[in-house]
Protein backbone atom coordinates (compact mmCIF):
# COMPACT_ATOMS: atom_id res chain seq x y z
CA MET A 1 13.34 -12.90 -24.32
CA PRO A 2 13.85 -9.52 -23.23
CA ASN A 3 11.17 -6.72 -23.80
CA ASN A 4 12.82 -4.22 -26.11
CA LYS A 5 9.93 -1.49 -25.46
CA VAL A 6 11.21 1.65 -23.65
CA ARG A 7 10.03 1.25 -19.97
CA LYS A 8 9.35 2.60 -17.09
CA GLN A 9 12.48 1.79 -14.48
CA ILE A 10 11.37 0.29 -11.26
CA HIS A 11 12.69 1.88 -8.28
CA LEU A 12 13.73 -0.63 -5.26
CA ALA A 13 14.64 -0.45 -1.65
CA ALA A 14 15.23 -2.25 1.39
CA HIS A 15 13.97 -1.96 4.36
CA PHE A 16 15.73 -3.55 7.90
CA PRO A 17 12.91 -5.46 8.99
CA GLY A 18 13.23 -4.16 12.45
CA VAL A 19 10.82 -3.40 15.52
CA ASN A 20 7.10 -4.05 13.87
CA ASN A 21 4.94 -6.66 13.67
CA THR A 22 5.99 -7.52 9.56
CA THR A 23 9.13 -8.93 11.56
CA VAL A 24 9.23 -12.58 12.56
CA TRP A 25 12.08 -12.58 15.13
CA SER A 26 10.63 -15.67 17.19
CA ASP A 27 11.96 -17.78 14.04
CA PRO A 28 14.62 -20.32 14.23
CA ASP A 29 15.93 -18.26 10.87
CA SER A 30 15.91 -15.07 12.65
CA GLY A 31 18.99 -13.35 13.45
CA SER A 32 20.37 -10.08 15.49
CA GLN A 33 18.48 -6.64 14.99
CA ILE A 34 21.21 -4.94 16.66
CA ASP A 35 24.48 -7.04 15.94
CA PHE A 36 26.42 -5.22 13.34
CA ASP A 37 26.89 -7.89 10.73
CA SER A 38 23.13 -8.21 10.44
CA PHE A 39 22.99 -4.46 8.71
CA VAL A 40 25.66 -5.63 6.52
CA HIS A 41 24.70 -8.29 5.82
CA LEU A 42 20.57 -6.79 4.57
CA ALA A 43 22.86 -3.96 2.38
CA ARG A 44 25.21 -5.43 1.21
CA THR A 45 22.49 -8.26 -0.50
CA ALA A 46 21.03 -4.79 -1.46
CA GLU A 47 23.77 -3.65 -3.04
CA ARG A 48 24.00 -7.10 -4.96
CA GLY A 49 20.63 -6.52 -5.89
CA LEU A 50 21.45 -3.11 -7.78
CA PHE A 51 18.61 -1.63 -5.33
CA ASP A 52 18.86 2.18 -4.90
CA PHE A 53 19.10 2.16 -0.88
CA PHE A 54 18.90 0.48 2.08
CA PHE A 55 16.28 2.30 4.55
CA LEU A 56 16.53 2.57 8.14
CA ALA A 57 13.39 3.47 10.73
CA GLU A 58 14.00 4.90 13.90
CA GLY A 59 12.36 4.15 17.44
CA LEU A 60 12.61 6.54 20.04
CA ARG A 61 10.90 5.11 22.55
CA LEU A 62 10.03 1.97 23.03
CA ARG A 63 6.31 1.35 22.29
CA GLU A 64 3.85 0.22 25.64
CA HIS A 65 0.32 -1.52 25.54
CA ARG A 66 -1.71 -1.50 28.41
CA GLY A 67 1.65 -0.31 30.39
CA GLN A 68 3.82 -2.91 29.13
CA ILE A 69 6.43 -2.92 26.60
CA PHE A 70 5.30 -4.70 23.66
CA ASP A 71 6.84 -7.55 22.82
CA LEU A 72 7.74 -6.74 19.25
CA ASP A 73 10.09 -4.07 20.97
CA VAL A 74 12.11 -5.72 23.11
CA VAL A 75 14.94 -5.96 20.45
CA GLY A 76 15.42 -1.92 20.73
CA ARG A 77 17.34 0.08 17.73
CA PRO A 78 20.64 1.20 17.32
CA ASP A 79 21.55 4.79 16.72
CA THR A 80 20.31 5.36 13.04
CA PHE A 81 23.55 7.73 11.51
CA THR A 82 25.90 5.23 13.61
CA VAL A 83 24.61 2.70 11.41
CA LEU A 84 24.45 4.31 8.33
CA ASN A 85 27.76 6.05 8.42
CA ALA A 86 29.76 2.41 9.42
CA LEU A 87 27.47 0.87 6.23
CA ALA A 88 29.00 3.62 4.31
CA GLY A 89 32.46 1.70 4.79
CA VAL A 90 31.26 -1.76 3.65
CA THR A 91 29.42 -0.66 0.65
CA THR A 92 30.12 1.78 -2.36
CA ARG A 93 26.72 2.46 -4.16
CA LEU A 94 24.00 1.80 -2.58
CA GLY A 95 22.05 4.68 -1.03
CA LEU A 96 21.78 4.68 2.89
CA ALA A 97 18.62 6.34 4.12
CA GLY A 98 17.63 7.13 7.61
CA THR A 99 14.18 7.84 9.76
CA ILE A 100 15.01 11.12 11.84
CA ASN A 101 12.29 12.83 13.63
CA THR A 102 11.88 17.00 13.01
CA THR A 103 9.91 17.43 16.40
CA PHE A 104 12.83 16.65 18.16
CA ASN A 105 15.56 17.73 16.81
CA GLU A 106 17.19 20.72 15.68
CA PRO A 107 18.32 22.36 12.39
CA PHE A 108 22.22 22.39 12.99
CA GLU A 109 22.66 19.43 14.31
CA LEU A 110 20.60 17.70 11.41
CA ALA A 111 22.37 19.45 8.78
CA LYS A 112 25.95 18.19 10.27
CA GLN A 113 24.65 15.24 11.10
CA PHE A 114 23.36 14.37 6.95
CA ALA A 115 26.03 15.82 5.24
CA THR A 116 28.41 14.59 7.05
CA LEU A 117 27.00 11.23 5.86
CA ASP A 118 27.01 12.44 2.62
CA HIS A 119 30.41 13.25 2.36
CA LEU A 120 31.58 9.62 3.53
CA SER A 121 29.39 8.22 1.72
CA GLY A 122 30.00 10.17 -1.59
CA GLY A 123 26.82 11.30 -2.17
CA ARG A 124 24.11 8.56 -1.20
CA ALA A 125 22.67 9.97 1.76
CA ALA A 126 18.63 10.04 2.31
CA TRP A 127 16.36 11.68 5.27
CA ASN A 128 13.09 10.37 5.91
CA ALA A 129 11.90 13.54 7.90
CA VAL A 130 8.67 12.36 10.12
CA THR A 131 7.06 14.20 13.23
CA SER A 132 5.58 13.93 16.07
CA SER A 133 3.04 15.07 18.25
CA ASP A 134 3.17 12.38 20.74
CA ALA A 135 3.63 13.24 24.23
CA PHE A 136 4.81 9.95 25.49
CA THR A 137 7.61 10.08 23.15
CA GLY A 138 8.47 13.76 23.92
CA GLU A 139 8.84 12.46 27.54
CA ASN A 140 12.58 11.48 26.64
CA PHE A 141 13.07 15.20 25.30
CA ARG A 142 13.29 18.94 26.49
CA ARG A 143 10.39 19.20 24.44
CA GLY A 144 8.40 16.36 25.20
CA GLY A 145 4.17 17.07 24.64
CA TYR A 146 4.61 20.77 23.81
CA LEU A 147 4.01 20.50 20.09
CA ASP A 148 0.26 20.51 19.27
CA HIS A 149 -0.48 18.23 16.58
CA ALA A 150 -1.79 20.80 14.04
CA GLN A 151 2.28 22.66 14.63
CA ARG A 152 3.92 19.47 13.27
CA TYR A 153 3.73 20.10 9.54
CA SER A 154 4.82 23.61 10.05
CA ARG A 155 8.07 22.91 12.40
CA ALA A 156 8.58 20.15 10.19
CA ALA A 157 8.52 22.35 6.78
CA GLU A 158 11.10 25.15 8.75
CA VAL A 159 13.84 22.35 10.38
CA VAL A 160 13.82 21.16 6.30
CA ASP A 161 14.24 25.28 5.17
CA ALA A 162 16.55 25.70 8.17
CA THR A 163 19.05 22.49 7.21
CA ARG A 164 18.60 23.66 3.23
CA ALA A 165 19.36 26.99 4.33
CA LEU A 166 22.70 25.90 6.34
CA TRP A 167 23.72 23.00 3.27
CA ASP A 168 23.55 26.27 0.82
CA SER A 169 26.30 28.12 2.56
CA PRO A 170 29.42 26.87 1.22
CA PRO A 171 29.36 27.40 -2.34
CA GLY A 172 31.45 24.47 -3.89
CA ASP A 173 34.53 26.62 -3.91
CA ALA A 174 34.31 28.50 -0.66
CA LEU A 175 36.73 26.13 1.63
CA VAL A 176 39.83 26.19 -0.13
CA ILE A 177 43.28 26.75 1.36
CA ASP A 178 45.95 28.67 0.26
CA ARG A 179 49.08 26.09 0.83
CA GLU A 180 51.22 29.13 1.22
CA ARG A 181 49.83 31.19 3.96
CA GLY A 182 48.00 28.09 5.61
CA ILE A 183 44.22 30.19 5.63
CA PHE A 184 41.48 29.97 3.86
CA ALA A 185 41.64 32.06 1.21
CA ARG A 186 37.94 33.02 1.18
CA PRO A 187 35.70 33.22 4.35
CA ALA A 188 32.55 30.98 4.67
CA PRO A 189 29.79 32.89 4.09
CA SER A 190 27.23 32.96 7.09
CA VAL A 191 23.62 31.97 7.02
CA ARG A 192 20.93 33.81 8.55
CA TYR A 193 17.69 32.10 8.82
CA THR A 194 15.02 32.99 10.66
CA SER A 195 11.17 31.45 11.28
CA GLU A 196 8.95 31.22 13.92
CA GLN A 197 10.74 28.67 15.72
CA PHE A 198 14.18 29.03 14.88
CA ASP A 199 16.91 31.92 14.71
CA ILE A 200 20.18 30.77 13.25
CA GLU A 201 23.08 33.32 12.18
CA GLY A 202 26.75 31.75 11.45
CA PRO A 203 28.68 29.77 8.91
CA PHE A 204 27.80 26.34 8.76
CA VAL A 205 30.91 23.58 9.60
CA LEU A 206 30.82 21.67 6.44
CA PRO A 207 31.08 22.35 2.53
CA ARG A 208 27.98 21.51 0.09
CA SER A 209 28.32 17.75 0.00
CA PRO A 210 28.17 15.68 -2.88
CA GLN A 211 24.07 15.73 -3.90
CA GLY A 212 23.82 19.27 -2.62
CA TYR A 213 21.03 18.23 -0.23
CA PRO A 214 20.69 14.46 0.77
CA VAL A 215 17.77 12.85 -0.97
CA GLN A 216 14.01 13.85 1.28
CA ILE A 217 12.37 10.96 1.67
CA GLN A 218 8.62 12.16 3.71
CA ALA A 219 6.09 9.36 4.81
CA GLY A 220 2.76 11.75 5.63
CA ASP A 221 -0.50 10.85 4.38
CA SER A 222 -2.73 13.63 5.43
CA ASP A 223 -3.83 16.35 3.32
CA GLU A 224 -0.86 18.54 4.85
CA GLY A 225 1.40 15.88 4.66
CA ARG A 226 0.93 15.14 0.83
CA GLU A 227 1.25 19.08 0.31
CA PHE A 228 4.19 18.72 2.34
CA ALA A 229 5.82 16.00 0.20
CA ALA A 230 4.85 17.96 -3.23
CA ALA A 231 7.42 21.22 -2.08
CA LYS A 232 9.77 19.16 -0.12
CA ALA A 233 10.33 15.69 -1.16
CA ASP A 234 12.10 13.49 -3.33
CA ALA A 235 10.58 10.42 -2.44
CA VAL A 236 7.67 9.41 -0.80
CA PHE A 237 7.41 6.17 1.48
CA SER A 238 3.88 5.27 0.76
CA ARG A 239 1.06 3.17 2.46
CA HIS A 240 -0.88 3.17 -0.49
CA GLY A 241 0.11 -0.42 -2.25
CA GLU A 242 -3.13 -1.88 -3.33
CA LEU A 243 -3.43 -0.97 -7.20
CA GLU A 244 -6.22 1.34 -7.26
CA ASP A 245 -5.73 2.89 -4.53
CA GLY A 246 -2.38 3.42 -5.35
CA GLN A 247 -2.76 5.16 -8.81
CA GLN A 248 -5.35 7.30 -7.05
CA PHE A 249 -2.27 8.53 -4.76
CA TYR A 250 -0.01 8.63 -7.47
CA THR A 251 -1.70 11.16 -9.27
CA ASP A 252 -2.78 13.13 -6.26
CA VAL A 253 0.35 13.93 -5.20
CA LYS A 254 2.43 13.99 -8.85
CA GLU A 255 -0.75 16.58 -9.83
CA ARG A 256 0.35 18.51 -6.70
CA LEU A 257 3.61 19.42 -7.32
CA ALA A 258 3.49 22.12 -10.99
CA LYS A 259 2.24 24.55 -8.10
CA TYR A 260 6.30 24.36 -6.92
CA GLY A 261 7.59 24.27 -9.91
CA ARG A 262 8.34 21.21 -9.86
CA ALA A 263 8.44 18.39 -12.47
CA ARG A 264 6.59 14.80 -12.34
CA ASP A 265 9.83 12.70 -11.79
CA ASP A 266 10.88 15.12 -9.41
CA LEU A 267 9.15 13.15 -6.55
CA LYS A 268 9.46 9.18 -6.61
CA ILE A 269 6.33 6.86 -5.22
CA LEU A 270 7.66 4.24 -3.16
CA PRO A 271 5.04 2.53 -1.24
CA ALA A 272 5.91 -0.51 1.62
CA ALA A 273 5.71 -3.91 0.49
CA THR A 274 5.97 -7.45 1.42
CA PHE A 275 6.84 -10.72 -0.73
CA VAL A 276 6.85 -13.85 -0.75
CA LEU A 277 8.17 -16.61 -2.60
CA GLY A 278 7.67 -19.91 -3.88
CA ASP A 279 7.86 -22.85 -6.50
CA SER A 280 4.38 -22.84 -7.88
CA PRO A 281 1.65 -20.57 -6.85
CA ALA A 282 0.12 -22.51 -4.56
CA ASP A 283 3.41 -23.03 -2.60
CA ALA A 284 3.90 -19.38 -2.32
CA GLN A 285 0.23 -19.12 -1.05
CA GLU A 286 1.04 -21.77 1.82
CA ARG A 287 4.10 -20.00 2.52
CA ALA A 288 1.82 -16.75 2.87
CA ARG A 289 -0.38 -18.00 5.32
CA HIS A 290 2.50 -19.57 7.76
CA ILE A 291 4.36 -16.22 7.66
CA ARG A 292 1.00 -14.55 8.22
CA SER A 293 0.25 -16.78 11.24
CA GLN A 294 4.00 -16.11 12.85
CA GLN A 295 3.16 -12.47 12.33
CA VAL A 296 -0.09 -12.30 14.33
CA GLY A 297 0.23 -14.62 16.76
CA PRO A 298 -2.77 -14.60 19.96
CA ARG A 299 -1.25 -12.22 21.73
CA THR A 300 -0.51 -9.80 19.11
CA ALA A 301 -3.90 -10.40 17.77
CA LEU A 302 -5.46 -9.53 20.80
CA ALA A 303 -3.31 -6.43 21.37
CA PHE A 304 -4.60 -4.92 17.71
CA LEU A 305 -8.28 -5.34 18.63
CA GLU A 306 -7.43 -3.76 22.40
CA GLN A 307 -6.08 -0.65 20.23
CA VAL A 308 -9.57 -0.58 18.77
CA TRP A 309 -11.98 -1.73 21.59
CA GLY A 310 -10.15 0.30 24.10
CA ARG A 311 -10.18 -2.42 26.72
CA ASP A 312 -8.17 -5.53 28.00
CA LEU A 313 -9.67 -8.03 26.65
CA SER A 314 -7.35 -11.02 27.93
CA ALA A 315 -10.31 -12.92 28.43
CA TYR A 316 -11.16 -13.61 25.22
CA ASP A 317 -9.81 -16.52 23.47
CA PRO A 318 -7.94 -15.35 20.03
CA ASP A 319 -9.22 -18.11 18.18
CA GLY A 320 -13.19 -17.53 19.17
CA PRO A 321 -15.46 -14.51 17.90
CA LEU A 322 -15.61 -11.23 18.59
CA PRO A 323 -16.07 -9.25 21.77
CA ASP A 324 -20.45 -8.22 21.97
CA ILE A 325 -18.86 -5.44 23.79
CA ASP A 326 -18.87 -1.86 22.56
CA PRO A 327 -15.71 -0.13 22.61
CA VAL A 328 -14.60 2.48 25.04
CA ASP A 329 -12.37 5.97 24.28
CA ASN A 330 -9.37 4.97 25.45
CA VAL A 331 -6.21 6.42 23.58
CA ASN A 332 -3.78 5.71 26.39
CA ILE A 333 -4.44 1.79 25.67
CA THR A 334 -1.59 1.77 23.61
CA ARG A 335 1.56 4.63 23.81
CA GLY A 336 4.44 5.36 21.16
CA ARG A 337 2.07 3.16 18.38
CA VAL A 338 -0.25 4.96 15.96
CA ARG A 339 -3.88 3.43 17.12
CA HIS A 340 -5.57 3.35 13.79
CA ALA A 341 -8.91 3.88 15.90
CA LYS A 342 -10.09 7.33 14.98
CA ASP A 343 -13.53 5.75 15.31
CA PRO A 344 -13.60 3.06 17.15
CA ARG A 345 -17.52 2.24 16.98
CA ALA A 346 -17.26 2.27 13.59
CA ILE A 347 -14.24 0.43 13.27
CA ALA A 348 -16.00 -2.09 15.62
CA ASP A 349 -19.07 -2.47 13.60
CA ALA A 350 -17.42 -3.09 10.03
CA TRP A 351 -14.97 -5.67 11.75
CA ARG A 352 -18.01 -7.34 13.46
CA ALA A 353 -19.86 -7.62 10.10
CA ARG A 354 -16.80 -8.65 7.98
CA ALA A 355 -15.86 -11.33 10.92
CA GLU A 356 -19.44 -12.50 10.76
CA ALA A 357 -19.74 -12.53 6.76
CA GLU A 358 -16.29 -14.77 6.10
CA LYS A 359 -16.74 -16.52 9.34
CA LEU A 360 -13.47 -15.21 10.82
CA SER A 361 -12.12 -15.44 14.53
CA ILE A 362 -9.89 -12.52 15.88
CA ARG A 363 -7.11 -13.90 15.28
CA GLU A 364 -7.97 -14.33 11.84
CA LEU A 365 -9.72 -11.11 11.01
CA ILE A 366 -6.31 -8.84 12.53
CA ILE A 367 -4.29 -11.19 10.33
CA GLU A 368 -6.50 -9.42 7.59
CA VAL A 369 -6.92 -6.32 8.03
CA THR A 370 -3.18 -5.55 9.39
CA ALA A 371 -1.70 -6.95 6.07
CA ARG A 372 0.81 -5.38 4.02
CA GLN A 373 0.52 -5.21 0.25
CA GLN A 374 2.02 -8.41 -0.42
CA PHE A 375 3.53 -10.15 -3.71
CA VAL A 376 3.24 -13.50 -3.55
CA GLY A 377 4.08 -16.30 -6.32
CA THR A 378 6.55 -17.70 -8.28
CA PRO A 379 9.61 -15.17 -8.65
CA ALA A 380 8.48 -14.54 -12.60
CA GLU A 381 4.97 -13.52 -11.07
CA VAL A 382 6.45 -11.37 -8.73
CA ALA A 383 7.82 -9.52 -11.36
CA ALA A 384 5.69 -9.34 -13.69
CA GLU A 385 3.17 -8.30 -10.72
CA ILE A 386 6.10 -5.86 -9.60
CA ASP A 387 6.38 -4.18 -13.00
CA HIS A 388 2.88 -3.60 -13.91
CA TYR A 389 2.34 -1.49 -10.95
CA VAL A 390 5.29 0.55 -11.79
CA GLN A 391 3.75 0.62 -15.59
CA SER A 392 0.37 1.48 -14.27
CA ASP A 393 1.36 4.73 -12.19
CA ALA A 394 0.70 2.70 -9.17
CA ALA A 395 3.96 3.02 -7.79
CA ASP A 396 7.83 4.23 -8.89
CA GLY A 397 8.70 0.92 -6.95
CA PHE A 398 8.64 -0.27 -3.71
CA VAL A 399 10.31 -0.52 -0.68
CA LEU A 400 10.62 -4.36 0.04
CA VAL A 401 10.12 -5.62 3.98
CA PRO A 402 11.44 -8.20 4.61
CA HIS A 403 9.90 -10.20 7.28
CA ILE A 404 13.09 -12.18 8.53
CA THR A 405 16.17 -10.67 9.56
CA PRO A 406 19.13 -10.53 7.63
CA HIS A 407 18.45 -12.89 5.25
CA GLY A 408 14.90 -11.84 4.20
CA LEU A 409 16.08 -10.35 0.73
CA ASP A 410 18.41 -13.23 -0.33
CA GLU A 411 15.92 -14.90 -2.47
CA PHE A 412 14.53 -11.97 -3.56
CA VAL A 413 17.72 -10.82 -5.27
CA ALA A 414 18.42 -14.19 -6.76
CA LYS A 415 15.28 -15.12 -8.41
CA VAL A 416 13.13 -11.57 -8.78
CA VAL A 417 15.97 -9.32 -9.58
CA PRO A 418 16.63 -11.64 -12.42
CA GLU A 419 13.06 -11.81 -13.87
CA LEU A 420 12.90 -7.60 -13.34
CA GLN A 421 16.36 -6.94 -15.63
CA GLU A 422 15.02 -9.17 -18.31
CA ARG A 423 11.65 -7.56 -18.58
CA GLY A 424 13.78 -4.23 -19.36
CA SER A 425 12.34 -2.69 -16.58
CA PHE A 426 15.45 -2.86 -13.84
CA ARG A 427 19.23 -1.72 -13.82
CA THR A 428 21.59 -4.31 -15.14
CA GLU A 429 24.43 -2.14 -13.59
CA TYR A 430 24.84 1.23 -11.56
CA THR A 431 25.29 3.48 -13.80
CA GLY A 432 25.85 6.87 -11.70
CA THR A 433 27.73 6.97 -7.59
CA THR A 434 24.66 9.15 -6.11
CA LEU A 435 21.28 8.62 -4.85
CA ARG A 436 19.91 11.24 -7.07
CA GLU A 437 21.64 9.56 -9.60
CA HIS A 438 20.03 6.00 -8.83
CA LEU A 439 16.68 7.73 -8.70
CA GLY A 440 16.74 10.12 -11.54
CA LEU A 441 16.55 13.12 -9.60
CA ARG A 442 18.05 16.32 -10.62
CA HIS A 443 20.57 18.21 -8.32
CA PRO A 444 18.76 20.73 -5.86
CA HIS A 445 20.43 23.34 -7.63
CA GLN A 446 19.43 22.46 -11.24
CA THR A 447 16.28 23.96 -12.96
CA SER A 448 14.31 21.65 -14.74
CA ALA A 449 15.85 22.94 -18.20
CA GLY A 450 19.17 21.63 -16.87
CA VAL A 451 21.34 24.67 -16.10
CA ARG A 452 22.72 24.51 -12.62
CA ALA A 453 20.72 27.70 -10.23
CA SER A 454 23.34 29.89 -8.66
């Protein structure tokens, strides 16, 4: 029976499973990750499931490990804007979010591209703004390697401010054509934005888009990243998926909003999560174990271990014990991927202790330490757990990352979404047309009192 109590509504997004260690691209059921039909299938499945948005990551360079292209990257990735603009034509309500780098792109270009997507989609665009201080990635750009790590968020803030200045420049009625004279009735106002890195002057080329600004997503987790999210973002793509950890992150970021004159509902917290469904709890657990063994094969297990050890460990058996040699500080063993080893010796000691206590091989340990938040169980159990996280203020929803392309979301939409609807925690139809409306976000020129600012 439906629960009639007023409940927080769950927000769901669909992450296109691309080049990462979550994807099982070698599975016989996995399809192409570059054919347009794959993008269309996942997007239409998400829209059928009444999801808030489709989320597409970006890769600016194929990652390398020990001088070779990492095997999970060989599929490549088409251009983000091309894919999202094409999807705007085959969907009607689903939000379209793209990861675009603030380090290697210019504000005017970004403002035009996202405004175009927002116009073409009728107000469904979102921008996941990410930064990079990686000189390896920067080698593909004129600016390669010049930006210090400490400067990346200051540049990101300036890029966002500059794009918003451009989006703000044409008032809603500025570009009105006088049909009798065949000219604009009013000139478009000029933009003037100056900062440490930018000096922009001139009129923008498009009228204000349906959402005012595309929805701003942010994924940084440092103190600088959290502050940036509180000041600028509409949603945070969080890695804090466990219940208690998620609650702490949720509270910390939400409490930062007030200093920027923002309300708690002005920012949504959306951790990444995977899911495995089964006919019974035991069946789901068995399926989850099989999927994880596919995600972390022998070579992948050694590659992750080598990131910490900074050494070539190809002589070690992935199904054997951890190396008894100490790590070395070799930051270049993996390039183009975040190296999760700020203190390699401390991590190695912790991993050895865990492997010894739990009798884990190299591969078994890597399976454990690289696992993302997973919802595993029957459809009813998964729905109940997702609902519990949201009602307990550990998240406002989740960005779901299927392990199979492009059919990995099919079962969730068919079996879990109805359970969430039965609980009264998820929409039964779209009530708005823009992504801001789906997420319950104010128009950027509207105050908390609901009055449109000039």
